[in-house]
Amino acid sequence: MLKPVNTRLLYLVTCAAPPARHITELVEAAQCDGWDVHIIATETAYTWLPTEQLAATTGHPVRYRQRHPDEPSTLPRADAIAVVPATFNTINKWATGINDSLALGILNESLGTGLPIIASPYVKPVLARHPAFDAHLRLLADHGVRLTPTQALRPSQDDEPFRWKLILDVLHGLPASGRTAGT
């Protein structure tokens, strides 16, 4: 896809939940809105994604593993991060500072830098009632993460698409920002 001159760079952190199977729809819509999308998947999400299709669509490999110390950092700096879908596991690990994956490393390093971060939690209702989950959402929000309501991506009917417009609307409203270093 040809990228507009004024393209901003988005890290799309993708976790293993049902919307991940359709993340190409969000990628294409974000590109139409002028975003250069780099997908950073959790290790499980990576196995769910059509990685070759996404690499062809974005022009960038789908990343999921941390680089080795002797490998150069090749991720460009981001203007914003969207964590879509954000799972129970990722929200809780991120809020407690666990740094055991590329996705969490980027999220932990970016928290508190002023870089706009959007997270759209997508968890089972029984997990959403876990006492740690709500506390961790509040902690992330208190540190500048823009959160959608839990399950906001879920379509009204099973045969409808996920509600990607919600994410695009938040991205559209973001101010231009400085970029954060890639990992």
N, C-alpha and C. Protein backbone atom coordinates (compact mmCIF):
# COMPACT_ATOMS: atom_id res chain seq x y z
N MET A 1 0.84 -1.19 0.00
CA MET A 1 0.00 0.00 0.00
C MET A 1 0.88 1.24 0.00
N LEU A 2 0.55 2.25 -0.80
CA LEU A 2 1.27 3.51 -0.81
C LEU A 2 0.93 4.28 0.45
N LYS A 3 1.97 4.83 1.08
CA LYS A 3 1.76 5.53 2.34
C LYS A 3 1.75 7.03 2.09
N PRO A 4 0.80 7.76 2.68
CA PRO A 4 0.79 9.20 2.53
C PRO A 4 2.05 9.82 3.13
N VAL A 5 2.40 11.01 2.67
CA VAL A 5 3.60 11.69 3.16
C VAL A 5 3.50 11.97 4.66
N ASN A 6 2.32 12.27 5.15
CA ASN A 6 2.14 12.64 6.56
C ASN A 6 1.86 11.44 7.46
N THR A 7 2.28 10.27 7.05
CA THR A 7 2.00 9.05 7.81
C THR A 7 2.59 9.12 9.21
N ARG A 8 1.79 8.68 10.16
CA ARG A 8 2.29 8.50 11.52
C ARG A 8 2.46 7.00 11.76
N LEU A 9 3.36 6.66 12.66
CA LEU A 9 3.71 5.26 12.88
C LEU A 9 3.00 4.71 14.11
N LEU A 10 2.33 3.58 13.93
CA LEU A 10 1.55 2.94 14.99
C LEU A 10 2.11 1.56 15.28
N TYR A 11 2.42 1.31 16.55
CA TYR A 11 2.68 -0.05 16.99
C TYR A 11 1.32 -0.63 17.35
N LEU A 12 0.93 -1.69 16.68
CA LEU A 12 -0.31 -2.39 16.99
C LEU A 12 0.06 -3.66 17.75
N VAL A 13 -0.07 -3.61 19.07
CA VAL A 13 0.23 -4.76 19.92
C VAL A 13 -1.02 -5.63 19.93
N THR A 14 -0.86 -6.85 19.44
CA THR A 14 -2.00 -7.75 19.26
C THR A 14 -1.86 -8.96 20.18
N CYS A 15 -2.89 -9.20 20.98
CA CYS A 15 -2.91 -10.32 21.93
C CYS A 15 -3.87 -11.40 21.43
N ALA A 16 -3.76 -12.58 22.01
CA ALA A 16 -4.54 -13.74 21.56
C ALA A 16 -5.95 -13.73 22.14
N ALA A 17 -6.85 -13.09 21.42
CA ALA A 17 -8.29 -13.08 21.71
C ALA A 17 -8.99 -13.06 20.35
N PRO A 18 -10.27 -13.41 20.30
CA PRO A 18 -10.95 -13.54 19.01
C PRO A 18 -10.76 -12.39 18.01
N PRO A 19 -10.73 -11.11 18.43
CA PRO A 19 -10.53 -10.07 17.42
C PRO A 19 -9.19 -10.19 16.67
N ALA A 20 -8.21 -10.83 17.26
CA ALA A 20 -6.91 -10.97 16.59
C ALA A 20 -7.04 -11.70 15.27
N ARG A 21 -7.98 -12.62 15.17
CA ARG A 21 -8.17 -13.37 13.92
C ARG A 21 -8.60 -12.47 12.76
N HIS A 22 -9.08 -11.28 13.09
CA HIS A 22 -9.58 -10.35 12.08
C HIS A 22 -8.82 -9.02 12.09
N ILE A 23 -7.62 -9.03 12.64
CA ILE A 23 -6.86 -7.79 12.84
C ILE A 23 -6.50 -7.12 11.52
N THR A 24 -6.47 -7.88 10.44
CA THR A 24 -6.19 -7.29 9.12
C THR A 24 -7.18 -6.18 8.80
N GLU A 25 -8.43 -6.33 9.24
CA GLU A 25 -9.45 -5.30 9.01
C GLU A 25 -9.05 -3.98 9.67
N LEU A 26 -8.56 -4.06 10.90
CA LEU A 26 -8.11 -2.86 11.61
C LEU A 26 -6.87 -2.28 10.95
N VAL A 27 -5.94 -3.14 10.57
CA VAL A 27 -4.71 -2.67 9.92
C VAL A 27 -5.05 -1.87 8.66
N GLU A 28 -5.89 -2.43 7.81
CA GLU A 28 -6.24 -1.76 6.55
C GLU A 28 -6.97 -0.44 6.80
N ALA A 29 -7.85 -0.42 7.78
CA ALA A 29 -8.58 0.81 8.11
C ALA A 29 -7.62 1.87 8.67
N ALA A 30 -6.68 1.46 9.51
CA ALA A 30 -5.70 2.40 10.06
C ALA A 30 -4.80 2.96 8.94
N GLN A 31 -4.43 2.10 8.01
CA GLN A 31 -3.63 2.57 6.88
C GLN A 31 -4.39 3.61 6.07
N CYS A 32 -5.67 3.39 5.87
CA CYS A 32 -6.49 4.37 5.15
C CYS A 32 -6.56 5.70 5.88
N ASP A 33 -6.39 5.65 7.21
CA ASP A 33 -6.38 6.87 8.02
C ASP A 33 -4.98 7.49 8.12
N GLY A 34 -4.00 6.94 7.38
CA GLY A 34 -2.67 7.53 7.35
C GLY A 34 -1.67 6.96 8.32
N TRP A 35 -1.95 5.80 8.90
CA TRP A 35 -1.02 5.18 9.84
C TRP A 35 -0.15 4.14 9.14
N ASP A 36 1.14 4.17 9.45
CA ASP A 36 2.08 3.12 9.04
C ASP A 36 2.08 2.13 10.20
N VAL A 37 1.52 0.95 10.00
CA VAL A 37 1.26 0.01 11.09
C VAL A 37 2.37 -1.04 11.18
N HIS A 38 2.90 -1.19 12.39
CA HIS A 38 3.86 -2.24 12.72
C HIS A 38 3.19 -3.13 13.76
N ILE A 39 3.01 -4.41 13.43
CA ILE A 39 2.33 -5.33 14.34
C ILE A 39 3.35 -6.00 15.24
N ILE A 40 3.08 -5.91 16.54
CA ILE A 40 3.87 -6.60 17.56
C ILE A 40 2.90 -7.52 18.26
N ALA A 41 3.07 -8.80 18.05
CA ALA A 41 2.14 -9.80 18.59
C ALA A 41 2.71 -10.44 19.85
N THR A 42 1.82 -10.84 20.74
CA THR A 42 2.27 -11.71 21.82
C THR A 42 2.61 -13.05 21.17
N GLU A 43 3.34 -13.88 21.89
CA GLU A 43 3.77 -15.15 21.29
C GLU A 43 2.59 -16.02 20.88
N THR A 44 1.55 -16.08 21.70
CA THR A 44 0.39 -16.88 21.33
C THR A 44 -0.36 -16.24 20.17
N ALA A 45 -0.54 -14.93 20.21
CA ALA A 45 -1.24 -14.26 19.11
C ALA A 45 -0.53 -14.48 17.79
N TYR A 46 0.78 -14.52 17.81
CA TYR A 46 1.55 -14.73 16.58
C TYR A 46 1.11 -16.01 15.88
N THR A 47 0.80 -17.04 16.66
CA THR A 47 0.38 -18.31 16.06
C THR A 47 -1.04 -18.25 15.50
N TRP A 48 -1.80 -17.25 15.87
CA TRP A 48 -3.17 -17.09 15.39
C TRP A 48 -3.26 -16.23 14.13
N LEU A 49 -2.23 -15.45 13.86
CA LEU A 49 -2.30 -14.42 12.82
C LEU A 49 -1.88 -14.94 11.45
N PRO A 50 -2.45 -14.35 10.39
CA PRO A 50 -1.97 -14.63 9.03
C PRO A 50 -0.73 -13.76 8.78
N THR A 51 0.40 -14.18 9.35
CA THR A 51 1.59 -13.33 9.39
C THR A 51 2.09 -12.91 8.00
N GLU A 52 2.06 -13.82 7.04
CA GLU A 52 2.53 -13.46 5.70
C GLU A 52 1.61 -12.41 5.07
N GLN A 53 0.31 -12.59 5.23
CA GLN A 53 -0.64 -11.61 4.70
C GLN A 53 -0.45 -10.25 5.37
N LEU A 54 -0.27 -10.25 6.68
CA LEU A 54 -0.09 -9.00 7.40
C LEU A 54 1.22 -8.32 7.01
N ALA A 55 2.27 -9.10 6.82
CA ALA A 55 3.55 -8.52 6.39
C ALA A 55 3.41 -7.89 5.00
N ALA A 56 2.68 -8.56 4.12
CA ALA A 56 2.45 -8.01 2.79
C ALA A 56 1.60 -6.74 2.85
N THR A 57 0.60 -6.74 3.72
CA THR A 57 -0.29 -5.59 3.85
C THR A 57 0.43 -4.39 4.44
N THR A 58 1.25 -4.62 5.47
CA THR A 58 1.91 -3.51 6.16
C THR A 58 3.26 -3.14 5.55
N GLY A 59 3.88 -4.10 4.88
CA GLY A 59 5.25 -3.88 4.39
C GLY A 59 6.29 -4.11 5.47
N HIS A 60 5.86 -4.68 6.60
CA HIS A 60 6.76 -4.93 7.73
C HIS A 60 6.51 -6.33 8.27
N PRO A 61 7.55 -6.99 8.78
CA PRO A 61 7.31 -8.30 9.39
C PRO A 61 6.48 -8.16 10.66
N VAL A 62 5.71 -9.19 10.96
CA VAL A 62 5.01 -9.25 12.25
C VAL A 62 6.05 -9.68 13.26
N ARG A 63 6.21 -8.91 14.30
CA ARG A 63 7.24 -9.21 15.30
C ARG A 63 6.60 -9.80 16.55
N TYR A 64 7.34 -10.69 17.19
CA TYR A 64 6.81 -11.30 18.41
C TYR A 64 7.90 -11.66 19.41
N ARG A 65 9.14 -11.71 18.98
CA ARG A 65 10.19 -12.11 19.91
C ARG A 65 11.14 -10.95 20.16
N GLN A 66 11.70 -10.98 21.36
CA GLN A 66 12.70 -9.97 21.70
C GLN A 66 13.96 -10.23 20.90
N ARG A 67 14.65 -9.17 20.57
CA ARG A 67 15.88 -9.34 19.81
C ARG A 67 16.99 -9.83 20.73
N HIS A 68 17.95 -10.49 20.15
CA HIS A 68 19.13 -10.92 20.89
C HIS A 68 20.04 -9.72 21.10
N PRO A 69 20.88 -9.73 22.13
CA PRO A 69 21.74 -8.58 22.41
C PRO A 69 22.63 -8.16 21.24
N ASP A 70 23.02 -9.10 20.39
CA ASP A 70 23.89 -8.75 19.27
C ASP A 70 23.12 -8.35 18.01
N GLU A 71 21.80 -8.34 18.07
CA GLU A 71 20.98 -7.92 16.93
C GLU A 71 20.67 -6.43 17.04
N PRO A 72 20.72 -5.72 15.92
CA PRO A 72 20.38 -4.29 15.97
C PRO A 72 18.88 -4.09 16.20
N SER A 73 18.55 -2.98 16.79
CA SER A 73 17.15 -2.61 16.95
C SER A 73 16.66 -2.11 15.59
N THR A 74 15.63 -2.73 15.07
CA THR A 74 15.14 -2.35 13.74
C THR A 74 13.74 -1.76 13.75
N LEU A 75 13.13 -1.68 14.92
CA LEU A 75 11.81 -1.06 14.99
C LEU A 75 11.97 0.45 14.96
N PRO A 76 11.29 1.12 14.04
CA PRO A 76 11.34 2.59 14.06
C PRO A 76 10.56 3.12 15.26
N ARG A 77 10.72 4.38 15.53
CA ARG A 77 10.02 4.98 16.66
C ARG A 77 8.54 5.17 16.32
N ALA A 78 7.71 4.98 17.34
CA ALA A 78 6.25 5.06 17.16
C ALA A 78 5.71 6.42 17.56
N ASP A 79 4.60 6.79 16.93
CA ASP A 79 3.84 7.98 17.33
C ASP A 79 2.73 7.62 18.29
N ALA A 80 2.32 6.36 18.28
CA ALA A 80 1.25 5.89 19.16
C ALA A 80 1.31 4.37 19.22
N ILE A 81 0.68 3.84 20.27
CA ILE A 81 0.57 2.39 20.44
C ILE A 81 -0.90 2.07 20.68
N ALA A 82 -1.37 1.03 20.01
CA ALA A 82 -2.73 0.52 20.27
C ALA A 82 -2.59 -0.95 20.66
N VAL A 83 -3.14 -1.31 21.80
CA VAL A 83 -3.12 -2.69 22.28
C VAL A 83 -4.52 -3.25 22.00
N VAL A 84 -4.62 -4.00 20.90
CA VAL A 84 -5.92 -4.45 20.40
C VAL A 84 -5.80 -5.85 19.84
N PRO A 85 -6.54 -6.79 20.36
CA PRO A 85 -7.26 -6.77 21.63
C PRO A 85 -6.28 -6.92 22.79
N ALA A 86 -6.63 -6.33 23.92
CA ALA A 86 -5.81 -6.43 25.13
C ALA A 86 -6.41 -7.51 26.03
N THR A 87 -5.68 -8.57 26.25
CA THR A 87 -6.20 -9.69 27.02
C THR A 87 -6.01 -9.50 28.52
N PHE A 88 -6.72 -10.32 29.27
CA PHE A 88 -6.60 -10.38 30.73
C PHE A 88 -5.14 -10.56 31.13
N ASN A 89 -4.48 -11.51 30.50
CA ASN A 89 -3.09 -11.81 30.81
C ASN A 89 -2.18 -10.62 30.55
N THR A 90 -2.31 -10.01 29.39
CA THR A 90 -1.44 -8.88 29.04
C THR A 90 -1.70 -7.68 29.94
N ILE A 91 -2.97 -7.35 30.19
CA ILE A 91 -3.29 -6.22 31.07
C ILE A 91 -2.65 -6.42 32.44
N ASN A 92 -2.83 -7.60 33.03
CA ASN A 92 -2.31 -7.85 34.37
C ASN A 92 -0.78 -7.87 34.41
N LYS A 93 -0.15 -8.49 33.42
CA LYS A 93 1.32 -8.50 33.38
C LYS A 93 1.86 -7.09 33.19
N TRP A 94 1.27 -6.35 32.28
CA TRP A 94 1.72 -4.99 31.99
C TRP A 94 1.61 -4.11 33.23
N ALA A 95 0.48 -4.16 33.90
CA ALA A 95 0.26 -3.31 35.08
C ALA A 95 1.21 -3.64 36.22
N THR A 96 1.68 -4.87 36.28
CA THR A 96 2.61 -5.25 37.36
C THR A 96 4.06 -5.19 36.92
N GLY A 97 4.31 -4.75 35.69
CA GLY A 97 5.68 -4.56 35.23
C GLY A 97 6.39 -5.81 34.76
N ILE A 98 5.66 -6.87 34.52
CA ILE A 98 6.30 -8.09 34.00
C ILE A 98 6.74 -7.79 32.57
N ASN A 99 7.96 -8.19 32.26
CA ASN A 99 8.61 -7.77 31.02
C ASN A 99 9.16 -8.98 30.28
N ASP A 100 8.33 -10.01 30.07
CA ASP A 100 8.83 -11.28 29.55
C ASP A 100 8.53 -11.52 28.07
N SER A 101 8.22 -10.47 27.33
CA SER A 101 7.98 -10.62 25.89
C SER A 101 8.28 -9.29 25.21
N LEU A 102 8.41 -9.33 23.90
CA LEU A 102 8.62 -8.10 23.14
C LEU A 102 7.46 -7.13 23.37
N ALA A 103 6.23 -7.64 23.28
CA ALA A 103 5.06 -6.77 23.45
C ALA A 103 5.07 -6.09 24.82
N LEU A 104 5.30 -6.86 25.87
CA LEU A 104 5.31 -6.26 27.21
C LEU A 104 6.50 -5.33 27.40
N GLY A 105 7.63 -5.66 26.82
CA GLY A 105 8.79 -4.77 26.90
C GLY A 105 8.48 -3.41 26.31
N ILE A 106 7.87 -3.40 25.15
CA ILE A 106 7.51 -2.13 24.51
C ILE A 106 6.48 -1.38 25.35
N LEU A 107 5.47 -2.09 25.84
CA LEU A 107 4.44 -1.43 26.65
C LEU A 107 5.03 -0.87 27.94
N ASN A 108 5.87 -1.64 28.61
CA ASN A 108 6.46 -1.17 29.87
C ASN A 108 7.39 0.02 29.64
N GLU A 109 8.20 -0.03 28.58
CA GLU A 109 9.11 1.08 28.31
C GLU A 109 8.36 2.34 27.91
N SER A 110 7.21 2.20 27.30
CA SER A 110 6.47 3.35 26.79
C SER A 110 5.55 3.99 27.82
N LEU A 111 5.16 3.24 28.83
CA LEU A 111 4.25 3.76 29.85
C LEU A 111 4.91 4.93 30.57
N GLY A 112 4.23 6.04 30.62
CA GLY A 112 4.75 7.19 31.34
C GLY A 112 5.67 8.09 30.51
N THR A 113 5.86 7.78 29.23
CA THR A 113 6.73 8.61 28.39
C THR A 113 5.97 9.74 27.71
N GLY A 114 4.65 9.71 27.78
CA GLY A 114 3.85 10.69 27.07
C GLY A 114 3.39 10.19 25.71
N LEU A 115 3.91 9.06 25.28
CA LEU A 115 3.48 8.47 24.02
C LEU A 115 2.03 8.02 24.16
N PRO A 116 1.15 8.40 23.26
CA PRO A 116 -0.24 7.96 23.38
C PRO A 116 -0.36 6.44 23.28
N ILE A 117 -1.04 5.86 24.25
CA ILE A 117 -1.29 4.41 24.27
C ILE A 117 -2.79 4.20 24.45
N ILE A 118 -3.34 3.38 23.57
CA ILE A 118 -4.76 3.00 23.63
C ILE A 118 -4.79 1.51 23.92
N ALA A 119 -5.67 1.07 24.79
CA ALA A 119 -5.85 -0.36 25.03
C ALA A 119 -7.34 -0.68 25.00
N SER A 120 -7.67 -1.74 24.29
CA SER A 120 -9.06 -2.17 24.20
C SER A 120 -9.18 -3.57 24.79
N PRO A 121 -9.52 -3.64 26.10
CA PRO A 121 -9.61 -4.95 26.76
C PRO A 121 -10.69 -5.83 26.14
N TYR A 122 -10.33 -7.07 25.96
CA TYR A 122 -11.26 -8.06 25.41
C TYR A 122 -11.06 -9.33 26.23
N VAL A 123 -11.91 -9.50 27.23
CA VAL A 123 -11.75 -10.63 28.16
C VAL A 123 -13.11 -11.26 28.44
N LYS A 124 -13.08 -12.50 28.88
CA LYS A 124 -14.31 -13.18 29.27
C LYS A 124 -14.92 -12.46 30.47
N PRO A 125 -16.25 -12.38 30.54
CA PRO A 125 -16.88 -11.71 31.67
C PRO A 125 -16.43 -12.24 33.03
N VAL A 126 -16.23 -13.54 33.15
CA VAL A 126 -15.80 -14.10 34.43
C VAL A 126 -14.41 -13.59 34.82
N LEU A 127 -13.54 -13.39 33.84
CA LEU A 127 -12.21 -12.84 34.14
C LEU A 127 -12.27 -11.34 34.42
N ALA A 128 -13.19 -10.65 33.76
CA ALA A 128 -13.34 -9.21 34.00
C ALA A 128 -13.77 -8.92 35.44
N ARG A 129 -14.38 -9.90 36.09
CA ARG A 129 -14.81 -9.73 37.49
C ARG A 129 -13.69 -10.03 38.49
N HIS A 130 -12.56 -10.51 38.02
CA HIS A 130 -11.43 -10.78 38.92
C HIS A 130 -10.99 -9.46 39.55
N PRO A 131 -10.78 -9.41 40.87
CA PRO A 131 -10.46 -8.15 41.53
C PRO A 131 -9.19 -7.47 41.02
N ALA A 132 -8.21 -8.23 40.59
CA ALA A 132 -6.98 -7.62 40.10
C ALA A 132 -7.20 -6.89 38.77
N PHE A 133 -8.11 -7.38 37.96
CA PHE A 133 -8.29 -6.82 36.63
C PHE A 133 -8.71 -5.35 36.69
N ASP A 134 -9.76 -5.06 37.44
CA ASP A 134 -10.24 -3.68 37.54
C ASP A 134 -9.18 -2.77 38.14
N ALA A 135 -8.49 -3.26 39.16
CA ALA A 135 -7.42 -2.47 39.78
C ALA A 135 -6.31 -2.17 38.77
N HIS A 136 -5.97 -3.15 37.95
CA HIS A 136 -4.91 -2.95 36.97
C HIS A 136 -5.34 -2.01 35.85
N LEU A 137 -6.60 -2.07 35.45
CA LEU A 137 -7.09 -1.11 34.46
C LEU A 137 -7.00 0.31 35.01
N ARG A 138 -7.40 0.50 36.27
CA ARG A 138 -7.32 1.83 36.89
C ARG A 138 -5.87 2.31 36.95
N LEU A 139 -4.96 1.41 37.31
CA LEU A 139 -3.54 1.78 37.39
C LEU A 139 -3.03 2.24 36.02
N LEU A 140 -3.34 1.50 34.98
CA LEU A 140 -2.90 1.88 33.64
C LEU A 140 -3.53 3.21 33.21
N ALA A 141 -4.82 3.38 33.49
CA ALA A 141 -5.50 4.64 33.15
C ALA A 141 -4.88 5.80 33.91
N ASP A 142 -4.55 5.59 35.18
CA ASP A 142 -3.92 6.64 35.98
C ASP A 142 -2.56 7.05 35.44
N HIS A 143 -1.96 6.18 34.64
CA HIS A 143 -0.65 6.48 34.05
C HIS A 143 -0.75 6.81 32.57
N GLY A 144 -1.94 7.22 32.15
CA GLY A 144 -2.11 7.80 30.82
C GLY A 144 -2.63 6.90 29.72
N VAL A 145 -2.87 5.63 30.01
CA VAL A 145 -3.39 4.73 28.98
C VAL A 145 -4.86 5.06 28.74
N ARG A 146 -5.22 5.24 27.49
CA ARG A 146 -6.61 5.47 27.12
C ARG A 146 -7.26 4.11 26.93
N LEU A 147 -8.26 3.82 27.74
CA LEU A 147 -8.92 2.51 27.70
C LEU A 147 -10.30 2.62 27.09
N THR A 148 -10.63 1.66 26.24
CA THR A 148 -12.01 1.53 25.80
C THR A 148 -12.72 0.69 26.86
N PRO A 149 -14.03 0.72 26.89
CA PRO A 149 -14.73 -0.20 27.79
C PRO A 149 -14.37 -1.65 27.42
N THR A 150 -14.31 -2.50 28.43
CA THR A 150 -14.05 -3.92 28.20
C THR A 150 -15.13 -4.47 27.28
N GLN A 151 -14.72 -5.24 26.30
CA GLN A 151 -15.60 -5.87 25.32
C GLN A 151 -16.18 -4.87 24.31
N ALA A 152 -15.69 -3.64 24.26
CA ALA A 152 -16.24 -2.65 23.33
C ALA A 152 -16.08 -3.07 21.87
N LEU A 153 -15.11 -3.90 21.58
CA LEU A 153 -14.90 -4.37 20.20
C LEU A 153 -15.93 -5.40 19.76
N ARG A 154 -16.58 -6.03 20.74
CA ARG A 154 -17.50 -7.14 20.43
C ARG A 154 -18.67 -6.64 19.58
N PRO A 155 -18.95 -7.34 18.47
CA PRO A 155 -20.09 -6.94 17.64
C PRO A 155 -21.41 -7.28 18.32
N SER A 156 -22.47 -6.58 17.92
CA SER A 156 -23.81 -6.86 18.47
C SER A 156 -24.28 -8.25 18.09
N GLN A 157 -23.97 -8.65 16.87
CA GLN A 157 -24.36 -9.96 16.34
C GLN A 157 -23.09 -10.72 15.95
N ASP A 158 -23.12 -12.02 16.07
CA ASP A 158 -21.95 -12.83 15.74
C ASP A 158 -21.49 -12.68 14.30
N ASP A 159 -22.40 -12.37 13.39
CA ASP A 159 -22.03 -12.27 11.98
C ASP A 159 -21.59 -10.86 11.57
N GLU A 160 -21.51 -9.94 12.52
CA GLU A 160 -21.07 -8.58 12.23
C GLU A 160 -19.57 -8.46 12.49
N PRO A 161 -18.93 -7.45 11.88
CA PRO A 161 -17.49 -7.27 12.11
C PRO A 161 -17.23 -6.69 13.51
N PHE A 162 -16.00 -6.86 13.97
CA PHE A 162 -15.62 -6.23 15.23
C PHE A 162 -15.70 -4.72 15.06
N ARG A 163 -15.83 -4.01 16.15
CA ARG A 163 -16.05 -2.56 16.13
C ARG A 163 -14.73 -1.80 16.08
N TRP A 164 -14.06 -1.89 14.94
CA TRP A 164 -12.75 -1.26 14.79
C TRP A 164 -12.85 0.26 14.79
N LYS A 165 -14.01 0.80 14.39
CA LYS A 165 -14.16 2.25 14.31
C LYS A 165 -13.88 2.91 15.66
N LEU A 166 -14.19 2.22 16.72
CA LEU A 166 -13.91 2.72 18.06
C LEU A 166 -12.43 3.05 18.22
N ILE A 167 -11.57 2.16 17.76
CA ILE A 167 -10.12 2.36 17.85
C ILE A 167 -9.70 3.49 16.91
N LEU A 168 -10.22 3.47 15.70
CA LEU A 168 -9.87 4.50 14.71
C LEU A 168 -10.27 5.88 15.20
N ASP A 169 -11.42 6.00 15.85
CA ASP A 169 -11.86 7.30 16.38
C ASP A 169 -10.89 7.82 17.43
N VAL A 170 -10.41 6.94 18.31
CA VAL A 170 -9.45 7.36 19.33
C VAL A 170 -8.14 7.76 18.66
N LEU A 171 -7.66 6.95 17.72
CA LEU A 171 -6.42 7.28 17.01
C LEU A 171 -6.54 8.61 16.27
N HIS A 172 -7.69 8.82 15.66
CA HIS A 172 -7.91 10.05 14.89
C HIS A 172 -7.81 11.29 15.79
N GLY A 173 -8.22 11.15 17.03
CA GLY A 173 -8.22 12.28 17.95
C GLY A 173 -6.89 12.52 18.66
N LEU A 174 -5.88 11.71 18.38
CA LEU A 174 -4.60 11.87 19.07
C LEU A 174 -3.83 13.07 18.53
N PRO A 175 -3.19 13.80 19.43
CA PRO A 175 -2.32 14.88 18.97
C PRO A 175 -1.03 14.28 18.40
N ALA A 176 -0.37 15.02 17.56
CA ALA A 176 0.95 14.58 17.08
C ALA A 176 1.87 14.54 18.29
N SER A 177 2.74 13.54 18.32
CA SER A 177 3.63 13.40 19.47
C SER A 177 5.02 13.04 19.01
N GLY A 178 5.95 13.13 19.94
CA GLY A 178 7.30 12.65 19.67
C GLY A 178 7.28 11.14 19.60
N ARG A 179 8.29 10.59 19.01
CA ARG A 179 8.35 9.14 18.86
C ARG A 179 9.19 8.52 19.96
N THR A 180 8.85 7.28 20.30
CA THR A 180 9.61 6.54 21.30
C THR A 180 10.56 5.59 20.59
N ALA A 181 11.67 5.31 21.22
CA ALA A 181 12.66 4.42 20.62
C ALA A 181 12.10 3.04 20.43
N GLY A 182 12.46 2.41 19.34
CA GLY A 182 12.08 1.02 19.09
C GLY A 182 12.91 0.09 19.94
N THR A 183 12.42 -1.12 20.14
CA THR A 183 13.12 -2.10 20.96
C THR A 183 13.65 -3.21 20.10
